[in-house]
Amino acid sequence: MTYPSGKLTQNGLFYNAAVKYKSGETEPELVKVYEKIRFGIWVYNVLFKLIDALQEKTVDRKVFKFRLEITEDVKATNHGEKELEFNRLIPTSVKLEVWKRDKGKCVKFGSKKNLHFDHIIPYSKGGTSLIAENIQLLYAKHYIAKKDKIE
């Protein structure tokens, strides 16, 4: 929970945030969750709310367990409808297939840095996250410029 200096560890900070939320003192802490898809390759998945925490004692140490709840942050679509952000999550198996197919590079100019998984047919226009054929790797600059266009 704390370092020898008494300062809270990251687990201690999370634990305290969950306790404060449960007691009604604060809103839940927002936590970005990343997924490791292979050695050295981490991708951002979605934002969660930290709503509970506990410590369990194993044979030789205490283990923190945190309960997260997916956020209901909504994003307006072109038609004024609202969609839940987490519905566009790309499964790990699809990410791995795309990474292998695109050789870990931007499909436009071959950059290997700051890559994003992009929907070729945008999710907002009916594109799916479930098949590799609709996902590609793009350098951040190209990903941002593309927005919800079909190219």
Protein backbone atom coordinates (compact mmCIF):
# COMPACT_ATOMS: atom_id res chain seq x y z
CA MET A 1 0.00 0.00 0.00
CA THR A 2 2.88 2.36 0.80
CA TYR A 3 6.57 2.74 0.15
CA PRO A 4 8.98 2.70 3.12
CA SER A 5 8.79 6.51 3.01
CA GLY A 6 5.05 6.31 3.72
CA LYS A 7 4.07 7.60 0.28
CA LEU A 8 1.23 5.65 -1.35
CA THR A 9 2.13 3.24 -4.15
CA GLN A 10 0.05 3.27 -7.36
CA ASN A 11 -1.98 0.38 -5.90
CA GLY A 12 -2.43 2.43 -2.70
CA LEU A 13 -3.66 5.41 -4.70
CA PHE A 14 -6.13 3.22 -6.62
CA TYR A 15 -7.29 1.55 -3.41
CA ASN A 16 -7.90 4.90 -1.68
CA ALA A 17 -9.74 6.24 -4.74
CA ALA A 18 -12.06 3.21 -4.72
CA VAL A 19 -12.71 3.57 -0.97
CA LYS A 20 -13.54 7.27 -1.37
CA TYR A 21 -15.96 6.46 -4.21
CA LYS A 22 -17.67 3.70 -2.22
CA SER A 23 -18.11 6.04 0.76
CA GLY A 24 -19.68 8.69 -1.49
CA GLU A 25 -16.86 11.22 -1.05
CA THR A 26 -15.89 11.42 -4.73
CA GLU A 27 -16.84 10.39 -8.23
CA PRO A 28 -15.19 7.19 -9.47
CA GLU A 29 -11.61 7.53 -10.72
CA LEU A 30 -11.36 7.09 -14.49
CA VAL A 31 -8.80 4.48 -15.55
CA LYS A 32 -7.39 3.96 -19.04
CA VAL A 33 -6.98 0.26 -19.77
CA TYR A 34 -4.34 -0.98 -22.18
CA GLU A 35 -3.99 -4.44 -23.66
CA LYS A 36 -0.71 -6.19 -24.36
CA ILE A 37 -1.06 -7.83 -27.77
CA ARG A 38 2.56 -9.03 -27.98
CA PHE A 39 5.92 -8.26 -26.39
CA GLY A 40 6.46 -4.47 -26.43
CA ILE A 41 3.12 -3.75 -28.13
CA TRP A 42 0.39 -2.24 -25.99
CA VAL A 43 -2.87 -0.78 -27.32
CA TYR A 44 -5.40 1.44 -25.59
CA ASN A 45 -8.73 -0.29 -25.15
CA VAL A 46 -11.22 1.82 -23.28
CA LEU A 47 -11.89 4.00 -20.25
CA PHE A 48 -13.25 2.38 -17.07
CA LYS A 49 -14.54 3.66 -13.73
CA LEU A 50 -12.75 2.37 -10.63
CA ILE A 51 -15.62 1.34 -8.34
CA ASP A 52 -14.23 -1.10 -5.78
CA ALA A 53 -10.99 -2.48 -4.33
CA LEU A 54 -9.96 -5.14 -1.90
CA GLN A 55 -6.84 -6.85 -0.64
CA GLU A 56 -6.49 -10.62 -0.45
CA LYS A 57 -3.74 -12.34 1.44
CA THR A 58 -1.99 -15.17 -0.36
CA VAL A 59 0.60 -17.44 1.21
CA ASP A 60 3.39 -14.88 1.13
CA ARG A 61 1.91 -11.50 0.21
CA LYS A 62 -1.16 -9.30 -0.08
CA VAL A 63 -2.72 -8.91 -3.53
CA PHE A 64 -4.84 -5.95 -4.61
CA LYS A 65 -7.96 -6.59 -6.67
CA PHE A 66 -9.82 -3.76 -8.35
CA ARG A 67 -13.31 -3.73 -9.80
CA LEU A 68 -13.75 -1.65 -12.92
CA GLU A 69 -16.95 -0.71 -14.69
CA ILE A 70 -16.95 0.29 -18.33
CA THR A 71 -17.79 3.96 -18.81
CA GLU A 72 -20.90 5.05 -20.55
CA ASP A 73 -19.23 7.99 -22.25
CA VAL A 74 -21.18 8.50 -25.41
CA LYS A 75 -20.18 10.01 -28.69
CA ALA A 76 -22.69 11.55 -31.07
CA THR A 77 -22.81 10.00 -34.51
CA ASN A 78 -23.52 11.85 -37.76
CA HIS A 79 -27.22 11.11 -37.34
CA GLY A 80 -27.50 12.59 -33.86
CA GLU A 81 -27.79 9.10 -32.35
CA LYS A 82 -25.58 8.11 -29.48
CA GLU A 83 -23.28 5.11 -29.41
CA LEU A 84 -21.38 3.64 -26.53
CA GLU A 85 -17.65 3.97 -27.15
CA PHE A 86 -16.88 0.41 -26.06
CA ASN A 87 -19.00 -1.10 -28.85
CA ARG A 88 -16.23 -0.34 -31.32
CA LEU A 89 -13.60 -2.38 -29.46
CA ILE A 90 -11.45 -4.51 -31.74
CA PRO A 91 -10.91 -8.05 -30.42
CA THR A 92 -7.34 -9.10 -29.63
CA SER A 93 -7.40 -11.83 -32.29
CA VAL A 94 -8.27 -9.24 -34.95
CA LYS A 95 -5.54 -6.85 -33.72
CA LEU A 96 -2.95 -9.62 -33.89
CA GLU A 97 -4.04 -10.60 -37.41
CA VAL A 98 -3.92 -6.97 -38.60
CA TRP A 99 -0.52 -6.38 -36.95
CA LYS A 100 0.89 -9.43 -38.72
CA ARG A 101 -0.71 -8.60 -42.07
CA ASP A 102 0.41 -4.93 -42.00
CA LYS A 103 3.86 -5.96 -40.68
CA GLY A 104 3.55 -3.55 -37.74
CA LYS A 105 3.66 -0.50 -40.05
CA CYS A 106 1.36 2.27 -41.25
CA VAL A 107 -0.28 1.10 -44.47
CA LYS A 108 0.13 4.55 -46.03
CA PHE A 109 3.79 5.42 -45.46
CA GLY A 110 5.33 2.56 -43.48
CA SER A 111 5.90 4.31 -40.14
CA LYS A 112 6.42 1.96 -37.19
CA LYS A 113 5.74 4.58 -34.50
CA ASN A 114 2.55 5.92 -32.91
CA LEU A 115 0.26 3.49 -34.73
CA HIS A 116 -3.51 3.24 -34.38
CA PHE A 117 -5.95 0.53 -35.40
CA ASP A 118 -8.29 2.18 -37.92
CA HIS A 119 -11.64 1.06 -39.31
CA ILE A 120 -11.41 1.16 -43.13
CA ILE A 121 -15.19 1.53 -43.28
CA PRO A 122 -15.72 3.71 -40.19
CA TYR A 123 -17.67 2.24 -37.32
CA SER A 124 -20.01 5.24 -37.50
CA LYS A 125 -20.86 4.29 -41.08
CA GLY A 126 -21.58 0.63 -40.31
CA GLY A 127 -18.05 -0.80 -40.41
CA THR A 128 -17.30 -3.74 -38.17
CA SER A 129 -14.56 -4.26 -35.61
CA LEU A 130 -14.84 -8.03 -35.83
CA ILE A 131 -12.94 -8.79 -39.05
CA ALA A 132 -9.35 -7.94 -39.97
CA GLU A 133 -10.37 -6.96 -43.49
CA ASN A 134 -11.98 -3.80 -42.08
CA ILE A 135 -9.07 -2.82 -39.82
CA GLN A 136 -5.71 -1.31 -40.78
CA LEU A 137 -2.72 0.26 -39.07
CA LEU A 138 -2.28 4.01 -39.53
CA TYR A 139 0.27 6.49 -38.19
CA ALA A 140 -1.44 8.89 -35.75
CA LYS A 141 -1.31 11.86 -38.15
CA HIS A 142 -3.07 9.88 -40.89
CA TYR A 143 -5.51 8.33 -38.41
CA ILE A 144 -6.58 11.76 -37.12
CA ALA A 145 -6.82 13.25 -40.61
CA LYS A 146 -8.98 10.37 -41.86
CA LYS A 147 -11.62 10.81 -39.15
CA ASP A 148 -14.80 9.05 -40.33
CA LYS A 149 -14.04 9.23 -44.07
CA ILE A 150 -14.05 6.22 -46.33
CA GLU A 151 -10.89 6.37 -48.44
